[in-house]
Amino acid sequence: MVQIRNITHEALHVPLLGRVVEPDELVEIDDMLLQGHVWPPTTWRVETEPVSTKGGRR
């Protein structure tokens, strides 16, 4: 899971989430939704990066 924040001064309707995201609200989304859709950096900021399950430390 990844957390993204609405960094605008407007409530944004996000059909993908099926709801309205308020200004400065933090929402948690599935990693696949982050990668599969456009989240403009002028509108959204990623607060936590997805945790990769591939590879690992060497």
PDB file of N, CA and C in Angstrom:
ATOM      1  N   MET A   1       0.838  -1.184   0.000  1.00  0.00           N
ATOM      2  CA  MET A   1       0.000   0.000   0.000  1.00  0.00           C
ATOM      3  C   MET A   1       0.886   1.252   0.000  1.00  0.00           C
ATOM      4  N   VAL A   2       0.359   2.284  -0.608  1.00  0.00           N
ATOM      5  CA  VAL A   2       1.061   3.552  -0.732  1.00  0.00           C
ATOM      6  C   VAL A   2       0.131   4.653  -0.249  1.00  0.00           C
ATOM      7  N   GLN A   3       0.696   5.661   0.379  1.00  0.00           N
ATOM      8  CA  GLN A   3      -0.107   6.811   0.790  1.00  0.00           C
ATOM      9  C   GLN A   3       0.201   7.982  -0.126  1.00  0.00           C
ATOM     10  N   ILE A   4      -0.864   8.633  -0.624  1.00  0.00           N
ATOM     11  CA  ILE A   4      -0.692   9.832  -1.436  1.00  0.00           C
ATOM     12  C   ILE A   4      -1.525  10.947  -0.826  1.00  0.00           C
ATOM     13  N   ARG A   5      -1.084  12.179  -1.024  1.00  0.00           N
ATOM     14  CA  ARG A   5      -1.755  13.332  -0.438  1.00  0.00           C
ATOM     15  C   ARG A   5      -2.246  14.264  -1.537  1.00  0.00           C
ATOM     16  N   ASN A   6      -3.471  14.762  -1.378  1.00  0.00           N
ATOM     17  CA  ASN A   6      -4.028  15.789  -2.259  1.00  0.00           C
ATOM     18  C   ASN A   6      -3.358  17.096  -1.858  1.00  0.00           C
ATOM     19  N   ILE A   7      -2.507  17.640  -2.722  1.00  0.00           N
ATOM     20  CA  ILE A   7      -1.763  18.854  -2.371  1.00  0.00           C
ATOM     21  C   ILE A   7      -2.380  20.107  -2.985  1.00  0.00           C
ATOM     22  N   THR A   8      -3.641  20.005  -3.405  1.00  0.00           N
ATOM     23  CA  THR A   8      -4.326  21.178  -3.954  1.00  0.00           C
ATOM     24  C   THR A   8      -5.163  21.838  -2.861  1.00  0.00           C
ATOM     25  N   HIS A   9      -5.818  22.926  -3.219  1.00  0.00           N
ATOM     26  CA  HIS A   9      -6.727  23.611  -2.298  1.00  0.00           C
ATOM     27  C   HIS A   9      -8.172  23.280  -2.635  1.00  0.00           C
ATOM     28  N   GLU A  10      -8.373  22.191  -3.394  1.00  0.00           N
ATOM     29  CA  GLU A  10      -9.710  21.794  -3.828  1.00  0.00           C
ATOM     30  C   GLU A  10      -9.969  20.333  -3.483  1.00  0.00           C
ATOM     31  N   ALA A  11     -11.235  20.015  -3.232  1.00  0.00           N
ATOM     32  CA  ALA A  11     -11.628  18.614  -3.093  1.00  0.00           C
ATOM     33  C   ALA A  11     -11.614  18.004  -4.490  1.00  0.00           C
ATOM     34  N   LEU A  12     -11.030  16.839  -4.622  1.00  0.00           N
ATOM     35  CA  LEU A  12     -10.906  16.186  -5.924  1.00  0.00           C
ATOM     36  C   LEU A  12     -11.723  14.903  -5.946  1.00  0.00           C
ATOM     37  N   HIS A  13     -12.596  14.772  -6.952  1.00  0.00           N
ATOM     38  CA  HIS A  13     -13.337  13.524  -7.120  1.00  0.00           C
ATOM     39  C   HIS A  13     -12.423  12.541  -7.830  1.00  0.00           C
ATOM     40  N   VAL A  14     -12.234  11.387  -7.224  1.00  0.00           N
ATOM     41  CA  VAL A  14     -11.356  10.362  -7.789  1.00  0.00           C
ATOM     42  C   VAL A  14     -12.207   9.124  -8.086  1.00  0.00           C
ATOM     43  N   PRO A  15     -12.674   8.993  -9.342  1.00  0.00           N
ATOM     44  CA  PRO A  15     -13.522   7.847  -9.688  1.00  0.00           C
ATOM     45  C   PRO A  15     -12.869   6.503  -9.357  1.00  0.00           C
ATOM     46  N   LEU A  16     -11.559   6.434  -9.496  1.00  0.00           N
ATOM     47  CA  LEU A  16     -10.825   5.209  -9.207  1.00  0.00           C
ATOM     48  C   LEU A  16     -11.028   4.763  -7.759  1.00  0.00           C
ATOM     49  N   LEU A  17     -11.112   5.746  -6.848  1.00  0.00           N
ATOM     50  CA  LEU A  17     -11.329   5.445  -5.433  1.00  0.00           C
ATOM     51  C   LEU A  17     -12.812   5.447  -5.078  1.00  0.00           C
ATOM     52  N   GLY A  18     -13.633   5.995  -5.973  1.00  0.00           N
ATOM     53  CA  GLY A  18     -15.066   6.055  -5.728  1.00  0.00           C
ATOM     54  C   GLY A  18     -15.470   7.056  -4.672  1.00  0.00           C
ATOM     55  N   ARG A  19     -14.677   8.123  -4.530  1.00  0.00           N
ATOM     56  CA  ARG A  19     -15.003   9.131  -3.522  1.00  0.00           C
ATOM     57  C   ARG A  19     -14.278  10.436  -3.793  1.00  0.00           C
ATOM     58  N   VAL A  20     -14.592  11.436  -2.971  1.00  0.00           N
ATOM     59  CA  VAL A  20     -13.950  12.745  -3.053  1.00  0.00           C
ATOM     60  C   VAL A  20     -12.820  12.784  -2.028  1.00  0.00           C
ATOM     61  N   VAL A  21     -11.677  13.301  -2.443  1.00  0.00           N
ATOM     62  CA  VAL A  21     -10.525  13.444  -1.551  1.00  0.00           C
ATOM     63  C   VAL A  21     -10.379  14.927  -1.235  1.00  0.00           C
ATOM     64  N   GLU A  22     -10.449  15.256   0.036  1.00  0.00           N
ATOM     65  CA  GLU A  22     -10.395  16.643   0.487  1.00  0.00           C
ATOM     66  C   GLU A  22      -8.977  17.215   0.364  1.00  0.00           C
ATOM     67  N   PRO A  23      -8.852  18.560   0.344  1.00  0.00           N
ATOM     68  CA  PRO A  23      -7.522  19.181   0.292  1.00  0.00           C
ATOM     69  C   PRO A  23      -6.655  18.709   1.461  1.00  0.00           C
ATOM     70  N   ASP A  24      -5.423  18.399   1.188  1.00  0.00           N
ATOM     71  CA  ASP A  24      -4.417  17.950   2.158  1.00  0.00           C
ATOM     72  C   ASP A  24      -4.751  16.598   2.794  1.00  0.00           C
ATOM     73  N   GLU A  25      -5.745  15.904   2.254  1.00  0.00           N
ATOM     74  CA  GLU A  25      -6.100  14.586   2.799  1.00  0.00           C
ATOM     75  C   GLU A  25      -5.121  13.539   2.307  1.00  0.00           C
ATOM     76  N   LEU A  26      -4.793  12.624   3.188  1.00  0.00           N
ATOM     77  CA  LEU A  26      -3.904  11.512   2.881  1.00  0.00           C
ATOM     78  C   LEU A  26      -4.763  10.271   2.655  1.00  0.00           C
ATOM     79  N   VAL A  27      -4.577   9.606   1.522  1.00  0.00           N
ATOM     80  CA  VAL A  27      -5.331   8.385   1.230  1.00  0.00           C
ATOM     81  C   VAL A  27      -4.366   7.249   0.947  1.00  0.00           C
ATOM     82  N   GLU A  28      -4.799   6.049   1.277  1.00  0.00           N
ATOM     83  CA  GLU A  28      -3.979   4.873   1.046  1.00  0.00           C
ATOM     84  C   GLU A  28      -4.524   4.144  -0.173  1.00  0.00           C
ATOM     85  N   ILE A  29      -3.643   3.821  -1.097  1.00  0.00           N
ATOM     86  CA  ILE A  29      -4.052   3.123  -2.313  1.00  0.00           C
ATOM     87  C   ILE A  29      -3.142   1.925  -2.552  1.00  0.00           C
ATOM     88  N   ASP A  30      -3.634   1.009  -3.341  1.00  0.00           N
ATOM     89  CA  ASP A  30      -2.860  -0.169  -3.712  1.00  0.00           C
ATOM     90  C   ASP A  30      -1.705   0.239  -4.633  1.00  0.00           C
ATOM     91  N   ASP A  31      -0.582  -0.410  -4.502  1.00  0.00           N
ATOM     92  CA  ASP A  31       0.597  -0.114  -5.332  1.00  0.00           C
ATOM     93  C   ASP A  31       0.275  -0.162  -6.820  1.00  0.00           C
ATOM     94  N   MET A  32      -0.566  -1.102  -7.228  1.00  0.00           N
ATOM     95  CA  MET A  32      -0.902  -1.255  -8.646  1.00  0.00           C
ATOM     96  C   MET A  32      -1.668  -0.040  -9.160  1.00  0.00           C
ATOM     97  N   LEU A  33      -2.482   0.589  -8.319  1.00  0.00           N
ATOM     98  CA  LEU A  33      -3.208   1.790  -8.730  1.00  0.00           C
ATOM     99  C   LEU A  33      -2.246   2.957  -8.909  1.00  0.00           C
ATOM    100  N   LEU A  34      -1.196   2.993  -8.111  1.00  0.00           N
ATOM    101  CA  LEU A  34      -0.209   4.062  -8.241  1.00  0.00           C
ATOM    102  C   LEU A  34       0.517   3.940  -9.578  1.00  0.00           C
ATOM    103  N   GLN A  35       0.871   2.723  -9.942  1.00  0.00           N
ATOM    104  CA  GLN A  35       1.639   2.495 -11.166  1.00  0.00           C
ATOM    105  C   GLN A  35       0.770   2.506 -12.414  1.00  0.00           C
ATOM    106  N   GLY A  36      -0.493   2.118 -12.294  1.00  0.00           N
ATOM    107  CA  GLY A  36      -1.335   1.955 -13.467  1.00  0.00           C
ATOM    108  C   GLY A  36      -2.085   3.194 -13.907  1.00  0.00           C
ATOM    109  N   HIS A  37      -2.005   4.280 -13.143  1.00  0.00           N
ATOM    110  CA  HIS A  37      -2.750   5.493 -13.462  1.00  0.00           C
ATOM    111  C   HIS A  37      -1.863   6.718 -13.304  1.00  0.00           C
ATOM    112  N   VAL A  38      -2.267   7.814 -13.910  1.00  0.00           N
ATOM    113  CA  VAL A  38      -1.501   9.062 -13.829  1.00  0.00           C
ATOM    114  C   VAL A  38      -1.940   9.831 -12.586  1.00  0.00           C
ATOM    115  N   TRP A  39      -0.993  10.138 -11.718  1.00  0.00           N
ATOM    116  CA  TRP A  39      -1.226  10.941 -10.516  1.00  0.00           C
ATOM    117  C   TRP A  39      -0.320  12.169 -10.655  1.00  0.00           C
ATOM    118  N   PRO A  40      -0.817  13.252 -11.268  1.00  0.00           N
ATOM    119  CA  PRO A  40       0.038  14.409 -11.556  1.00  0.00           C
ATOM    120  C   PRO A  40       0.719  14.960 -10.299  1.00  0.00           C
ATOM    121  N   PRO A  41       2.027  15.224 -10.376  1.00  0.00           N
ATOM    122  CA  PRO A  41       2.759  15.743  -9.220  1.00  0.00           C
ATOM    123  C   PRO A  41       2.303  17.133  -8.788  1.00  0.00           C
ATOM    124  N   THR A  42       1.551  17.827  -9.639  1.00  0.00           N
ATOM    125  CA  THR A  42       1.008  19.133  -9.241  1.00  0.00           C
ATOM    126  C   THR A  42      -0.255  18.968  -8.405  1.00  0.00           C
ATOM    127  N   THR A  43      -0.785  17.759  -8.365  1.00  0.00           N
ATOM    128  CA  THR A  43      -2.028  17.481  -7.650  1.00  0.00           C
ATOM    129  C   THR A  43      -1.820  16.521  -6.481  1.00  0.00           C
ATOM    130  N   TRP A  44      -0.927  15.561  -6.663  1.00  0.00           N
ATOM    131  CA  TRP A  44      -0.721  14.503  -5.678  1.00  0.00           C
ATOM    132  C   TRP A  44       0.748  14.386  -5.291  1.00  0.00           C
ATOM    133  N   ARG A  45       0.989  14.066  -4.023  1.00  0.00           N
ATOM    134  CA  ARG A  45       2.357  13.804  -3.559  1.00  0.00           C
ATOM    135  C   ARG A  45       2.361  12.429  -2.893  1.00  0.00           C
ATOM    136  N   VAL A  46       3.304  11.594  -3.286  1.00  0.00           N
ATOM    137  CA  VAL A  46       3.446  10.275  -2.675  1.00  0.00           C
ATOM    138  C   VAL A  46       4.126  10.459  -1.324  1.00  0.00           C
ATOM    139  N   GLU A  47       3.454   9.995  -0.270  1.00  0.00           N
ATOM    140  CA  GLU A  47       3.992  10.130   1.085  1.00  0.00           C
ATOM    141  C   GLU A  47       4.827   8.915   1.482  1.00  0.00           C
ATOM    142  N   THR A  48       4.440   7.747   1.013  1.00  0.00           N
ATOM    143  CA  THR A  48       5.215   6.537   1.292  1.00  0.00           C
ATOM    144  C   THR A  48       5.401   5.780  -0.004  1.00  0.00           C
ATOM    145  N   GLU A  49       6.594   5.341  -0.248  1.00  0.00           N
ATOM    146  CA  GLU A  49       6.896   4.600  -1.471  1.00  0.00           C
ATOM    147  C   GLU A  49       6.422   3.156  -1.319  1.00  0.00           C
ATOM    148  N   PRO A  50       6.046   2.529  -2.433  1.00  0.00           N
ATOM    149  CA  PRO A  50       5.658   1.118  -2.359  1.00  0.00           C
ATOM    150  C   PRO A  50       6.837   0.264  -1.908  1.00  0.00           C
ATOM    151  N   VAL A  51       6.545  -0.784  -1.188  1.00  0.00           N
ATOM    152  CA  VAL A  51       7.585  -1.696  -0.735  1.00  0.00           C
ATOM    153  C   VAL A  51       7.732  -2.783  -1.781  1.00  0.00           C
ATOM    154  N   SER A  52       8.919  -2.899  -2.332  1.00  0.00           N
ATOM    155  CA  SER A  52       9.158  -3.895  -3.374  1.00  0.00           C
ATOM    156  C   SER A  52       9.313  -5.272  -2.743  1.00  0.00           C
ATOM    157  N   THR A  53       8.650  -6.242  -3.335  1.00  0.00           N
ATOM    158  CA  THR A  53       8.795  -7.617  -2.856  1.00  0.00           C
ATOM    159  C   THR A  53       9.758  -8.391  -3.745  1.00  0.00           C
ATOM    160  N   LYS A  54      10.286  -7.732  -4.757  1.00  0.00           N
ATOM    161  CA  LYS A  54      11.232  -8.379  -5.664  1.00  0.00           C
ATOM    162  C   LYS A  54      12.653  -8.045  -5.221  1.00  0.00           C
ATOM    163  N   GLY A  55      13.541  -8.967  -5.459  1.00  0.00           N
ATOM    164  CA  GLY A  55      14.943  -8.703  -5.129  1.00  0.00           C
ATOM    165  C   GLY A  55      15.167  -8.767  -3.629  1.00  0.00           C
ATOM    166  N   GLY A  56      15.936  -7.840  -3.137  1.00  0.00           N
ATOM    167  CA  GLY A  56      16.248  -7.812  -1.713  1.00  0.00           C
ATOM    168  C   GLY A  56      17.637  -7.261  -1.513  1.00  0.00           C
ATOM    169  N   ARG A  57      18.036  -7.224  -0.272  1.00  0.00           N
ATOM    170  CA  ARG A  57      19.385  -6.721   0.028  1.00  0.00           C
ATOM    171  C   ARG A  57      20.409  -7.792  -0.237  1.00  0.00           C
ATOM    172  N   ARG A  58      21.589  -7.342  -0.624  1.00  0.00           N
ATOM    173  CA  ARG A  58      22.678  -8.291  -0.882  1.00  0.00           C
ATOM    174  C   ARG A  58      23.746  -8.123   0.144  1.00  0.00           C
TER     175      ARG A  58
END
